[in-house]
Amino acid sequence: MEYAAIHIPEFPVVAWLRSDAAVRSHALAVIEGIAPLQRVVSINRAARVRASRVA
């Protein structure tokens, strides 16, 4: 049996941006989990730039 795999970097954010044009110009992060154990799963370029300014 053969199979193929594909890796799409930041897939959750890419999927969200593709489905909702209104958020494309905003910093966006996808998180998972229940507070206080949340973690960032995926971020777009605007969020990455913004986070680097804060850190």
PDB file of N, CA and C in Angstrom:
ATOM      1  N   MET A   1       0.847  -1.179   0.000  1.00  0.00           N
ATOM      2  CA  MET A   1       0.000   0.000   0.000  1.00  0.00           C
ATOM      3  C   MET A   1       0.894   1.244   0.000  1.00  0.00           C
ATOM      4  N   GLU A   2       0.612   2.148  -0.891  1.00  0.00           N
ATOM      5  CA  GLU A   2       1.377   3.384  -0.996  1.00  0.00           C
ATOM      6  C   GLU A   2       0.540   4.552  -0.491  1.00  0.00           C
ATOM      7  N   TYR A   3       1.225   5.541   0.008  1.00  0.00           N
ATOM      8  CA  TYR A   3       0.535   6.750   0.441  1.00  0.00           C
ATOM      9  C   TYR A   3       1.472   7.931   0.270  1.00  0.00           C
ATOM     10  N   ALA A   4       0.917   9.102   0.302  1.00  0.00           N
ATOM     11  CA  ALA A   4       1.705  10.333   0.190  1.00  0.00           C
ATOM     12  C   ALA A   4       1.305  11.259   1.321  1.00  0.00           C
ATOM     13  N   ALA A   5       2.233  12.089   1.708  1.00  0.00           N
ATOM     14  CA  ALA A   5       1.963  13.070   2.758  1.00  0.00           C
ATOM     15  C   ALA A   5       2.441  14.436   2.273  1.00  0.00           C
ATOM     16  N   ILE A   6       1.745  15.446   2.687  1.00  0.00           N
ATOM     17  CA  ILE A   6       2.127  16.801   2.335  1.00  0.00           C
ATOM     18  C   ILE A   6       2.127  17.645   3.604  1.00  0.00           C
ATOM     19  N   HIS A   7       3.126  18.496   3.723  1.00  0.00           N
ATOM     20  CA  HIS A   7       3.223  19.385   4.878  1.00  0.00           C
ATOM     21  C   HIS A   7       2.905  20.798   4.413  1.00  0.00           C
ATOM     22  N   ILE A   8       1.908  21.399   5.013  1.00  0.00           N
ATOM     23  CA  ILE A   8       1.550  22.780   4.710  1.00  0.00           C
ATOM     24  C   ILE A   8       1.836  23.596   5.958  1.00  0.00           C
ATOM     25  N   PRO A   9       2.912  24.414   5.927  1.00  0.00           N
ATOM     26  CA  PRO A   9       3.254  25.211   7.104  1.00  0.00           C
ATOM     27  C   PRO A   9       2.097  26.117   7.520  1.00  0.00           C
ATOM     28  N   GLU A  10       1.852  26.180   8.816  1.00  0.00           N
ATOM     29  CA  GLU A  10       0.811  27.046   9.376  1.00  0.00           C
ATOM     30  C   GLU A  10      -0.565  26.781   8.748  1.00  0.00           C
ATOM     31  N   PHE A  11      -0.888  25.522   8.513  1.00  0.00           N
ATOM     32  CA  PHE A  11      -2.145  25.168   7.843  1.00  0.00           C
ATOM     33  C   PHE A  11      -3.400  25.740   8.502  1.00  0.00           C
ATOM     34  N   PRO A  12      -3.558  25.689   9.819  1.00  0.00           N
ATOM     35  CA  PRO A  12      -4.798  26.235  10.398  1.00  0.00           C
ATOM     36  C   PRO A  12      -5.020  27.713  10.067  1.00  0.00           C
ATOM     37  N   VAL A  13      -3.951  28.517  10.120  1.00  0.00           N
ATOM     38  CA  VAL A  13      -4.085  29.938   9.796  1.00  0.00           C
ATOM     39  C   VAL A  13      -4.353  30.129   8.305  1.00  0.00           C
ATOM     40  N   VAL A  14      -3.649  29.389   7.479  1.00  0.00           N
ATOM     41  CA  VAL A  14      -3.840  29.505   6.035  1.00  0.00           C
ATOM     42  C   VAL A  14      -5.283  29.170   5.660  1.00  0.00           C
ATOM     43  N   ALA A  15      -5.826  28.128   6.251  1.00  0.00           N
ATOM     44  CA  ALA A  15      -7.210  27.747   5.972  1.00  0.00           C
ATOM     45  C   ALA A  15      -8.187  28.832   6.424  1.00  0.00           C
ATOM     46  N   TRP A  16      -7.933  29.404   7.595  1.00  0.00           N
ATOM     47  CA  TRP A  16      -8.802  30.465   8.114  1.00  0.00           C
ATOM     48  C   TRP A  16      -8.737  31.696   7.213  1.00  0.00           C
ATOM     49  N   LEU A  17      -7.548  32.115   6.838  1.00  0.00           N
ATOM     50  CA  LEU A  17      -7.392  33.292   5.980  1.00  0.00           C
ATOM     51  C   LEU A  17      -8.051  33.083   4.629  1.00  0.00           C
ATOM     52  N   ARG A  18      -7.970  31.892   4.126  1.00  0.00           N
ATOM     53  CA  ARG A  18      -8.582  31.597   2.834  1.00  0.00           C
ATOM     54  C   ARG A  18     -10.107  31.651   2.894  1.00  0.00           C
ATOM     55  N   SER A  19     -10.659  31.276   4.031  1.00  0.00           N
ATOM     56  CA  SER A  19     -12.118  31.234   4.148  1.00  0.00           C
ATOM     57  C   SER A  19     -12.726  32.561   4.589  1.00  0.00           C
ATOM     58  N   ASP A  20     -11.925  33.468   5.157  1.00  0.00           N
ATOM     59  CA  ASP A  20     -12.462  34.730   5.672  1.00  0.00           C
ATOM     60  C   ASP A  20     -11.561  35.900   5.256  1.00  0.00           C
ATOM     61  N   ALA A  21     -11.902  36.543   4.162  1.00  0.00           N
ATOM     62  CA  ALA A  21     -11.079  37.620   3.611  1.00  0.00           C
ATOM     63  C   ALA A  21     -10.977  38.814   4.554  1.00  0.00           C
ATOM     64  N   ALA A  22     -11.912  38.992   5.457  1.00  0.00           N
ATOM     65  CA  ALA A  22     -11.919  40.149   6.362  1.00  0.00           C
ATOM     66  C   ALA A  22     -10.742  40.125   7.340  1.00  0.00           C
ATOM     67  N   VAL A  23     -10.163  38.981   7.615  1.00  0.00           N
ATOM     68  CA  VAL A  23      -9.084  38.893   8.600  1.00  0.00           C
ATOM     69  C   VAL A  23      -7.693  38.865   7.971  1.00  0.00           C
ATOM     70  N   ARG A  24      -7.601  38.924   6.654  1.00  0.00           N
ATOM     71  CA  ARG A  24      -6.307  38.790   5.973  1.00  0.00           C
ATOM     72  C   ARG A  24      -5.294  39.857   6.356  1.00  0.00           C
ATOM     73  N   SER A  25      -5.730  41.030   6.713  1.00  0.00           N
ATOM     74  CA  SER A  25      -4.786  42.099   7.037  1.00  0.00           C
ATOM     75  C   SER A  25      -4.475  42.184   8.528  1.00  0.00           C
ATOM     76  N   HIS A  26      -5.002  41.283   9.317  1.00  0.00           N
ATOM     77  CA  HIS A  26      -4.820  41.304  10.772  1.00  0.00           C
ATOM     78  C   HIS A  26      -3.807  40.255  11.230  1.00  0.00           C
ATOM     79  N   ALA A  27      -3.203  40.518  12.386  1.00  0.00           N
ATOM     80  CA  ALA A  27      -2.372  39.501  13.028  1.00  0.00           C
ATOM     81  C   ALA A  27      -3.311  38.418  13.543  1.00  0.00           C
ATOM     82  N   LEU A  28      -2.992  37.179  13.256  1.00  0.00           N
ATOM     83  CA  LEU A  28      -3.913  36.089  13.555  1.00  0.00           C
ATOM     84  C   LEU A  28      -3.162  34.921  14.178  1.00  0.00           C
ATOM     85  N   ALA A  29      -3.713  34.371  15.243  1.00  0.00           N
ATOM     86  CA  ALA A  29      -3.141  33.196  15.888  1.00  0.00           C
ATOM     87  C   ALA A  29      -4.250  32.191  16.170  1.00  0.00           C
ATOM     88  N   VAL A  30      -3.966  30.941  15.937  1.00  0.00           N
ATOM     89  CA  VAL A  30      -4.892  29.862  16.253  1.00  0.00           C
ATOM     90  C   VAL A  30      -4.354  29.191  17.512  1.00  0.00           C
ATOM     91  N   ILE A  31      -5.201  29.094  18.530  1.00  0.00           N
ATOM     92  CA  ILE A  31      -4.793  28.460  19.786  1.00  0.00           C
ATOM     93  C   ILE A  31      -5.669  27.248  20.049  1.00  0.00           C
ATOM     94  N   GLU A  32      -5.153  26.334  20.860  1.00  0.00           N
ATOM     95  CA  GLU A  32      -5.957  25.180  21.257  1.00  0.00           C
ATOM     96  C   GLU A  32      -5.788  24.952  22.747  1.00  0.00           C
ATOM     97  N   GLY A  33      -6.753  24.267  23.303  1.00  0.00           N
ATOM     98  CA  GLY A  33      -6.697  23.955  24.721  1.00  0.00           C
ATOM     99  C   GLY A  33      -7.658  24.804  25.528  1.00  0.00           C
ATOM    100  N   ILE A  34      -7.746  24.468  26.788  1.00  0.00           N
ATOM    101  CA  ILE A  34      -8.623  25.170  27.725  1.00  0.00           C
ATOM    102  C   ILE A  34      -7.734  25.934  28.699  1.00  0.00           C
ATOM    103  N   ALA A  35      -8.108  27.187  28.962  1.00  0.00           N
ATOM    104  CA  ALA A  35      -7.317  28.023  29.875  1.00  0.00           C
ATOM    105  C   ALA A  35      -7.145  27.308  31.196  1.00  0.00           C
ATOM    106  N   PRO A  36      -6.041  27.357  31.799  1.00  0.00           N
ATOM    107  CA  PRO A  36      -4.815  28.096  31.475  1.00  0.00           C
ATOM    108  C   PRO A  36      -3.815  27.281  30.662  1.00  0.00           C
ATOM    109  N   LEU A  37      -4.231  26.185  30.079  1.00  0.00           N
ATOM    110  CA  LEU A  37      -3.318  25.299  29.358  1.00  0.00           C
ATOM    111  C   LEU A  37      -3.400  25.483  27.842  1.00  0.00           C
ATOM    112  N   GLN A  38      -3.622  26.694  27.398  1.00  0.00           N
ATOM    113  CA  GLN A  38      -3.706  26.969  25.971  1.00  0.00           C
ATOM    114  C   GLN A  38      -2.317  27.062  25.362  1.00  0.00           C
ATOM    115  N   ARG A  39      -2.243  26.748  24.080  1.00  0.00           N
ATOM    116  CA  ARG A  39      -0.980  26.920  23.369  1.00  0.00           C
ATOM    117  C   ARG A  39      -1.260  27.389  21.953  1.00  0.00           C
ATOM    118  N   VAL A  40      -0.329  28.129  21.412  1.00  0.00           N
ATOM    119  CA  VAL A  40      -0.452  28.634  20.041  1.00  0.00           C
ATOM    120  C   VAL A  40      -0.107  27.497  19.098  1.00  0.00           C
ATOM    121  N   VAL A  41      -1.004  27.251  18.161  1.00  0.00           N
ATOM    122  CA  VAL A  41      -0.819  26.176  17.197  1.00  0.00           C
ATOM    123  C   VAL A  41      -0.251  26.714  15.892  1.00  0.00           C
ATOM    124  N   SER A  42      -0.699  27.908  15.496  1.00  0.00           N
ATOM    125  CA  SER A  42      -0.320  28.446  14.204  1.00  0.00           C
ATOM    126  C   SER A  42      -0.503  29.962  14.210  1.00  0.00           C
ATOM    127  N   ILE A  43       0.403  30.693  13.550  1.00  0.00           N
ATOM    128  CA  ILE A  43       0.268  32.144  13.434  1.00  0.00           C
ATOM    129  C   ILE A  43       0.622  32.580  12.020  1.00  0.00           C
ATOM    130  N   ASN A  44       0.088  33.735  11.617  1.00  0.00           N
ATOM    131  CA  ASN A  44       0.442  34.256  10.305  1.00  0.00           C
ATOM    132  C   ASN A  44       1.629  35.203  10.422  1.00  0.00           C
ATOM    133  N   ARG A  45       2.103  35.703   9.289  1.00  0.00           N
ATOM    134  CA  ARG A  45       3.290  36.555   9.261  1.00  0.00           C
ATOM    135  C   ARG A  45       3.107  37.819  10.093  1.00  0.00           C
ATOM    136  N   ALA A  46       1.937  38.464  10.003  1.00  0.00           N
ATOM    137  CA  ALA A  46       1.685  39.690  10.769  1.00  0.00           C
ATOM    138  C   ALA A  46       1.788  39.428  12.269  1.00  0.00           C
ATOM    139  N   ALA A  47       1.289  38.304  12.731  1.00  0.00           N
ATOM    140  CA  ALA A  47       1.377  37.969  14.156  1.00  0.00           C
ATOM    141  C   ALA A  47       2.814  37.654  14.556  1.00  0.00           C
ATOM    142  N   ARG A  48       3.543  37.009  13.670  1.00  0.00           N
ATOM    143  CA  ARG A  48       4.945  36.688  13.970  1.00  0.00           C
ATOM    144  C   ARG A  48       5.776  37.967  14.105  1.00  0.00           C
ATOM    145  N   VAL A  49       5.549  38.936  13.212  1.00  0.00           N
ATOM    146  CA  VAL A  49       6.257  40.221  13.290  1.00  0.00           C
ATOM    147  C   VAL A  49       5.882  40.951  14.567  1.00  0.00           C
ATOM    148  N   ARG A  50       4.609  40.971  14.872  1.00  0.00           N
ATOM    149  CA  ARG A  50       4.148  41.645  16.090  1.00  0.00           C
ATOM    150  C   ARG A  50       4.721  40.994  17.343  1.00  0.00           C
ATOM    151  N   ALA A  51       4.784  39.683  17.364  1.00  0.00           N
ATOM    152  CA  ALA A  51       5.327  38.970  18.528  1.00  0.00           C
ATOM    153  C   ALA A  51       6.814  39.238  18.688  1.00  0.00           C
ATOM    154  N   SER A  52       7.536  39.385  17.590  1.00  0.00           N
ATOM    155  CA  SER A  52       8.976  39.637  17.690  1.00  0.00           C
ATOM    156  C   SER A  52       9.245  41.038  18.235  1.00  0.00           C
ATOM    157  N   ARG A  53       8.325  41.962  18.039  1.00  0.00           N
ATOM    158  CA  ARG A  53       8.482  43.308  18.598  1.00  0.00           C
ATOM    159  C   ARG A  53       8.250  43.312  20.102  1.00  0.00           C
ATOM    160  N   VAL A  54       7.389  42.433  20.582  1.00  0.00           N
ATOM    161  CA  VAL A  54       7.047  42.364  21.995  1.00  0.00           C
ATOM    162  C   VAL A  54       8.141  41.662  22.783  1.00  0.00           C
ATOM    163  N   ALA A  55       8.681  40.619  22.207  1.00  0.00           N
ATOM    164  CA  ALA A  55       9.677  39.797  22.916  1.00  0.00           C
ATOM    165  C   ALA A  55      10.999  40.480  23.097  1.00  0.00           C
TER     166      ALA A  55
END
